C-alpha atoms as a PDB file:
ATOM      1  CA  UNK A   1     194.123 -33.448 111.776  1.00  0.00           C
ATOM      2  CA  UNK A   2     191.373 -30.795 111.343  1.00  0.00           C
ATOM      3  CA  UNK A   3     191.120 -27.778 113.621  1.00  0.00           C
ATOM      4  CA  UNK A   4     189.054 -28.484 116.739  1.00  0.00           C
ATOM      5  CA  UNK A   5     185.933 -26.468 116.004  1.00  0.00           C
ATOM      6  CA  UNK A   6     184.714 -26.625 119.587  1.00  0.00           C
ATOM      7  CA  UNK A   7     187.090 -23.863 120.595  1.00  0.00           C
ATOM      8  CA  UNK A   8     186.284 -21.437 117.772  1.00  0.00           C
ATOM      9  CA  UNK A   9     183.266 -19.210 118.291  1.00  0.00           C
ATOM     10  CA  UNK A  10     181.479 -16.519 116.320  1.00  0.00           C
ATOM     11  CA  UNK A  11     182.027 -12.812 116.967  1.00  0.00           C
ATOM     12  CA  UNK A  12     179.214 -10.851 118.685  1.00  0.00           C
ATOM     13  CA  UNK A  13     177.551  -8.428 116.260  1.00  0.00           C
ATOM     14  CA  UNK A  14     175.805  -5.157 117.156  1.00  0.00           C
ATOM     15  CA  UNK A  15     172.041  -5.142 116.841  1.00  0.00           C
ATOM     16  CA  UNK A  16     169.775  -2.221 115.927  1.00  0.00           C
ATOM     17  CA  UNK A  17     169.608  -1.027 119.555  1.00  0.00           C
ATOM     18  CA  UNK A  18     173.379  -1.002 120.063  1.00  0.00           C
ATOM     19  CA  UNK A  19     174.811   0.351 116.855  1.00  0.00           C
ATOM     20  CA  UNK A  20     175.993   3.867 117.668  1.00  0.00           C
ATOM     21  CA  UNK A  21     179.663   4.805 117.358  1.00  0.00           C
ATOM     22  CA  UNK A  22     179.791   4.919 121.179  1.00  0.00           C
ATOM     23  CA  UNK A  23     178.717   1.233 121.285  1.00  0.00           C
ATOM     24  CA  UNK A  24     181.339   0.141 118.759  1.00  0.00           C
ATOM     25  CA  UNK A  25     184.418  -0.215 120.996  1.00  0.00           C
ATOM     26  CA  UNK A  26     182.749  -3.122 122.814  1.00  0.00           C
ATOM     27  CA  UNK A  27     182.281  -5.003 119.534  1.00  0.00           C
ATOM     28  CA  UNK A  28     185.732  -4.096 118.239  1.00  0.00           C
ATOM     29  CA  UNK A  29     187.254  -5.377 121.482  1.00  0.00           C
ATOM     30  CA  UNK A  30     185.243  -8.582 121.034  1.00  0.00           C
ATOM     31  CA  UNK A  31     186.721  -8.889 117.544  1.00  0.00           C
ATOM     32  CA  UNK A  32     190.285  -8.421 118.871  1.00  0.00           C
ATOM     33  CA  UNK A  33     189.727 -11.072 121.568  1.00  0.00           C
ATOM     34  CA  UNK A  34     188.239 -13.444 118.977  1.00  0.00           C
ATOM     35  CA  UNK A  35     191.257 -12.911 116.702  1.00  0.00           C
ATOM     36  CA  UNK A  36     193.615 -13.585 119.603  1.00  0.00           C
ATOM     37  CA  UNK A  37     191.780 -16.817 120.477  1.00  0.00           C
ATOM     38  CA  UNK A  38     191.670 -17.913 116.824  1.00  0.00           C
ATOM     39  CA  UNK A  39     195.389 -17.336 116.258  1.00  0.00           C
ATOM     40  CA  UNK A  40     196.235 -18.960 119.616  1.00  0.00           C
ATOM     41  CA  UNK A  41     194.208 -22.032 118.652  1.00  0.00           C
ATOM     42  CA  UNK A  42     195.919 -22.381 115.280  1.00  0.00           C
ATOM     43  CA  UNK A  43     199.301 -21.918 116.974  1.00  0.00           C
ATOM     44  CA  UNK A  44     198.550 -24.475 119.709  1.00  0.00           C
ATOM     45  CA  UNK A  45     197.483 -27.063 117.172  1.00  0.00           C
ATOM     46  CA  UNK A  46     200.514 -26.384 114.952  1.00  0.00           C
ATOM     47  CA  UNK A  47     202.739 -26.814 118.026  1.00  0.00           C
ATOM     48  CA  UNK A  48     201.054 -30.125 118.920  1.00  0.00           C
ATOM     49  CA  UNK A  49     200.593 -31.562 115.427  1.00  0.00           C
ATOM     50  CA  UNK A  50     203.247 -29.953 113.242  1.00  0.00           C
ATOM     51  CA  UNK A  51     200.699 -29.039 110.578  1.00  0.00           C
ATOM     52  CA  UNK A  52     196.941 -28.991 110.226  1.00  0.00           C
ATOM     53  CA  UNK A  53     194.846 -30.713 107.635  1.00  0.00           C
ATOM     54  CA  UNK A  54     191.283 -30.064 106.607  1.00  0.00           C
ATOM     55  CA  UNK A  55     188.498 -32.615 106.562  1.00  0.00           C
ATOM     56  CA  UNK A  56     189.585 -33.843 103.117  1.00  0.00           C
ATOM     57  CA  UNK A  57     193.042 -34.666 104.431  1.00  0.00           C
ATOM     58  CA  UNK A  58     194.722 -31.837 102.519  1.00  0.00           C
ATOM     59  CA  UNK A  59     197.179 -29.658 104.445  1.00  0.00           C
ATOM     60  CA  UNK A  60     195.980 -26.217 105.455  1.00  0.00           C
ATOM     61  CA  UNK A  61     199.507 -24.821 105.620  1.00  0.00           C
ATOM     62  CA  UNK A  62     202.877 -25.253 104.020  1.00  0.00           C
ATOM     63  CA  UNK A  63     204.466 -27.055 106.958  1.00  0.00           C
ATOM     64  CA  UNK A  64     207.837 -25.391 106.495  1.00  0.00           C
ATOM     65  CA  UNK A  65     206.263 -21.914 106.520  1.00  0.00           C
ATOM     66  CA  UNK A  66     203.924 -22.349 109.517  1.00  0.00           C
ATOM     67  CA  UNK A  67     206.425 -23.857 111.982  1.00  0.00           C
ATOM     68  CA  UNK A  68     207.612 -20.468 113.280  1.00  0.00           C
ATOM     69  CA  UNK A  69     204.104 -19.415 114.350  1.00  0.00           C
ATOM     70  CA  UNK A  70     204.147 -20.717 117.956  1.00  0.00           C
ATOM     71  CA  UNK A  71     207.389 -18.918 118.849  1.00  0.00           C
ATOM     72  CA  UNK A  72     206.393 -15.722 117.023  1.00  0.00           C
ATOM     73  CA  UNK A  73     203.003 -15.685 118.744  1.00  0.00           C
ATOM     74  CA  UNK A  74     204.573 -16.324 122.158  1.00  0.00           C
ATOM     75  CA  UNK A  75     206.775 -13.280 121.642  1.00  0.00           C
ATOM     76  CA  UNK A  76     203.804 -11.186 120.494  1.00  0.00           C
ATOM     77  CA  UNK A  77     201.849 -12.290 123.577  1.00  0.00           C
ATOM     78  CA  UNK A  78     204.813 -11.543 125.881  1.00  0.00           C
ATOM     79  CA  UNK A  79     204.754  -7.991 124.570  1.00  0.00           C
ATOM     80  CA  UNK A  80     201.004  -7.749 125.292  1.00  0.00           C
ATOM     81  CA  UNK A  81     200.156  -6.668 121.743  1.00  0.00           C
ATOM     82  CA  UNK A  82     196.519  -7.778 121.917  1.00  0.00           C
ATOM     83  CA  UNK A  83     196.057  -6.230 125.362  1.00  0.00           C
ATOM     84  CA  UNK A  84     197.559  -2.932 124.183  1.00  0.00           C
ATOM     85  CA  UNK A  85     195.162  -2.835 121.248  1.00  0.00           C
ATOM     86  CA  UNK A  86     192.211  -3.505 123.572  1.00  0.00           C
ATOM     87  CA  UNK A  87     193.380  -0.785 125.987  1.00  0.00           C
ATOM     88  CA  UNK A  88     193.560   1.691 123.104  1.00  0.00           C
ATOM     89  CA  UNK A  89     189.987   0.832 122.118  1.00  0.00           C
ATOM     90  CA  UNK A  90     188.852   1.224 125.739  1.00  0.00           C
ATOM     91  CA  UNK A  91     190.339   4.704 126.008  1.00  0.00           C
ATOM     92  CA  UNK A  92     187.180   6.265 124.565  1.00  0.00           C
ATOM     93  CA  UNK A  93     186.860   9.961 124.000  1.00  0.00           C
ATOM     94  CA  UNK A  94     185.676  12.071 121.101  1.00  0.00           C
ATOM     95  CA  UNK A  95     188.770  11.429 118.975  1.00  0.00           C
ATOM     96  CA  UNK A  96     188.246   7.653 119.124  1.00  0.00           C
ATOM     97  CA  UNK A  97     184.550   8.010 118.279  1.00  0.00           C
ATOM     98  CA  UNK A  98     185.352  10.345 115.383  1.00  0.00           C
ATOM     99  CA  UNK A  99     187.876   7.837 113.997  1.00  0.00           C
ATOM    100  CA  UNK A 100     185.352   4.998 114.392  1.00  0.00           C
ATOM    101  CA  UNK A 101     182.927   6.990 112.247  1.00  0.00           C
ATOM    102  CA  UNK A 102     185.595   7.808 109.656  1.00  0.00           C
ATOM    103  CA  UNK A 103     186.520   4.129 109.308  1.00  0.00           C
ATOM    104  CA  UNK A 104     182.946   2.849 109.151  1.00  0.00           C
ATOM    105  CA  UNK A 105     183.236   0.803 112.329  1.00  0.00           C
ATOM    106  CA  UNK A 106     179.734   1.381 113.673  1.00  0.00           C
ATOM    107  CA  UNK A 107     176.097   0.688 112.867  1.00  0.00           C
ATOM    108  CA  UNK A 108     175.105  -1.176 109.729  1.00  0.00           C
ATOM    109  CA  UNK A 109     178.666  -0.970 108.391  1.00  0.00           C
ATOM    110  CA  UNK A 110     180.174  -2.760 111.397  1.00  0.00           C
ATOM    111  CA  UNK A 111     177.282  -5.209 111.546  1.00  0.00           C
ATOM    112  CA  UNK A 112     177.848  -6.121 107.877  1.00  0.00           C
ATOM    113  CA  UNK A 113     181.621  -6.480 108.332  1.00  0.00           C
ATOM    114  CA  UNK A 114     181.305  -8.690 111.418  1.00  0.00           C
ATOM    115  CA  UNK A 115     178.515 -10.677 109.772  1.00  0.00           C
ATOM    116  CA  UNK A 116     180.817 -11.385 106.832  1.00  0.00           C
ATOM    117  CA  UNK A 117     183.538 -12.607 109.191  1.00  0.00           C
ATOM    118  CA  UNK A 118     181.034 -14.861 110.971  1.00  0.00           C
ATOM    119  CA  UNK A 119     179.830 -16.306 107.659  1.00  0.00           C
ATOM    120  CA  UNK A 120     183.452 -16.971 106.682  1.00  0.00           C
ATOM    121  CA  UNK A 121     184.106 -18.612 110.078  1.00  0.00           C
ATOM    122  CA  UNK A 122     181.103 -20.902 109.615  1.00  0.00           C
ATOM    123  CA  UNK A 123     182.049 -21.853 106.054  1.00  0.00           C
ATOM    124  CA  UNK A 124     185.636 -22.544 107.040  1.00  0.00           C
ATOM    125  CA  UNK A 125     184.660 -24.681 110.017  1.00  0.00           C
ATOM    126  CA  UNK A 126     182.238 -26.711 107.882  1.00  0.00           C
ATOM    127  CA  UNK A 127     184.870 -27.735 105.302  1.00  0.00           C
ATOM    128  CA  UNK A 128     188.262 -26.608 106.625  1.00  0.00           C
ATOM    129  CA  UNK A 129     190.100 -25.947 103.377  1.00  0.00           C
ATOM    130  CA  UNK A 130     193.038 -23.617 102.811  1.00  0.00           C
ATOM    131  CA  UNK A 131     191.083 -21.447 100.315  1.00  0.00           C
ATOM    132  CA  UNK A 132     188.258 -20.959 102.846  1.00  0.00           C
ATOM    133  CA  UNK A 133     190.751 -20.074 105.585  1.00  0.00           C
ATOM    134  CA  UNK A 134     192.373 -17.639 103.148  1.00  0.00           C
ATOM    135  CA  UNK A 135     188.994 -15.954 102.562  1.00  0.00           C
ATOM    136  CA  UNK A 136     188.373 -15.783 106.323  1.00  0.00           C
ATOM    137  CA  UNK A 137     191.768 -14.208 106.996  1.00  0.00           C
ATOM    138  CA  UNK A 138     191.276 -11.752 104.150  1.00  0.00           C
ATOM    139  CA  UNK A 139     187.897 -10.718 105.572  1.00  0.00           C
ATOM    140  CA  UNK A 140     189.451 -10.361 109.043  1.00  0.00           C
ATOM    141  CA  UNK A 141     192.075  -8.094 107.509  1.00  0.00           C
ATOM    142  CA  UNK A 142     189.409  -5.616 106.384  1.00  0.00           C
ATOM    143  CA  UNK A 143     188.291  -4.963 109.962  1.00  0.00           C
ATOM    144  CA  UNK A 144     191.772  -5.180 111.453  1.00  0.00           C
ATOM    145  CA  UNK A 145     193.102  -2.543 109.046  1.00  0.00           C
ATOM    146  CA  UNK A 146     190.247  -0.219 110.002  1.00  0.00           C
ATOM    147  CA  UNK A 147     190.923  -0.751 113.709  1.00  0.00           C
ATOM    148  CA  UNK A 148     194.596   0.050 113.145  1.00  0.00           C
ATOM    149  CA  UNK A 149     193.501   3.243 111.414  1.00  0.00           C
ATOM    150  CA  UNK A 150     191.484   4.184 114.501  1.00  0.00           C
ATOM    151  CA  UNK A 151     194.044   3.485 117.243  1.00  0.00           C
ATOM    152  CA  UNK A 152     197.815   3.352 117.415  1.00  0.00           C
ATOM    153  CA  UNK A 153     199.623   0.046 117.648  1.00  0.00           C
ATOM    154  CA  UNK A 154     198.660  -3.425 116.585  1.00  0.00           C
ATOM    155  CA  UNK A 155     200.733  -3.635 113.421  1.00  0.00           C
ATOM    156  CA  UNK A 156     202.590  -6.665 114.825  1.00  0.00           C
ATOM    157  CA  UNK A 157     199.233  -8.462 115.099  1.00  0.00           C
ATOM    158  CA  UNK A 158     198.407  -7.639 111.491  1.00  0.00           C
ATOM    159  CA  UNK A 159     201.804  -8.846 110.311  1.00  0.00           C
ATOM    160  CA  UNK A 160     201.474 -12.117 112.254  1.00  0.00           C
ATOM    161  CA  UNK A 161     198.026 -12.662 110.713  1.00  0.00           C
ATOM    162  CA  UNK A 162     199.511 -11.984 107.276  1.00  0.00           C
ATOM    163  CA  UNK A 163     202.292 -14.517 107.867  1.00  0.00           C
ATOM    164  CA  UNK A 164     199.664 -17.136 108.756  1.00  0.00           C
ATOM    165  CA  UNK A 165     197.864 -16.245 105.541  1.00  0.00           C
ATOM    166  CA  UNK A 166     201.129 -16.471 103.582  1.00  0.00           C
ATOM    167  CA  UNK A 167     201.780 -19.945 105.017  1.00  0.00           C
ATOM    168  CA  UNK A 168     198.527 -21.365 103.651  1.00  0.00           C
ATOM    169  CA  UNK A 169     198.858 -24.339 101.323  1.00  0.00           C
ATOM    170  CA  UNK A 170     196.735 -22.892  98.534  1.00  0.00           C
ATOM    171  CA  UNK A 171     198.176 -25.291  95.985  1.00  0.00           C
ATOM    172  CA  UNK A 172     197.642 -28.999  96.534  1.00  0.00           C
ATOM    173  CA  UNK A 173     200.867 -30.916  97.145  1.00  0.00           C
ATOM    174  CA  UNK A 174     202.356 -32.827  94.239  1.00  0.00           C
ATOM    175  CA  UNK A 175     201.457 -36.538  94.248  1.00  0.00           C
ATOM    176  CA  UNK A 176     204.325 -38.777  95.271  1.00  0.00           C
END
């Protein structure tokens, strides 16, 4: 069964008036919350359905590889990994702002990165194929790596995202 697109939203992007490094934490926090919701939704549907298929009936994941996601995510959520990352981004201060600048997480750079994620979200939701989900997760990784370069923590989130990516069924199953 395809992913329920009604629960997956786009990420807010900064506009020209709100693009300074001081404005960026709000948008980065929005990205972290979006990622949490997106991973939770995939996990919930894997738990309920066993595996997910795209609109063409092809599996999105290797069923054997994706089955551990719900338990792994529950543990990650118990340890408040997403909340800790958000709290680090909320801490503010000149060091955070300096790191945001160094990692290109403000202004036109952040707008372009988030825009690319939103385009990938839209394309994936339209067709729901493993290659499109792979591209989306790869694009997400670009921003997530920069965030992890700005604040401490969050590597467990990145590794969980990578395991989801590694579980994708990028090769069509052999005909029976």
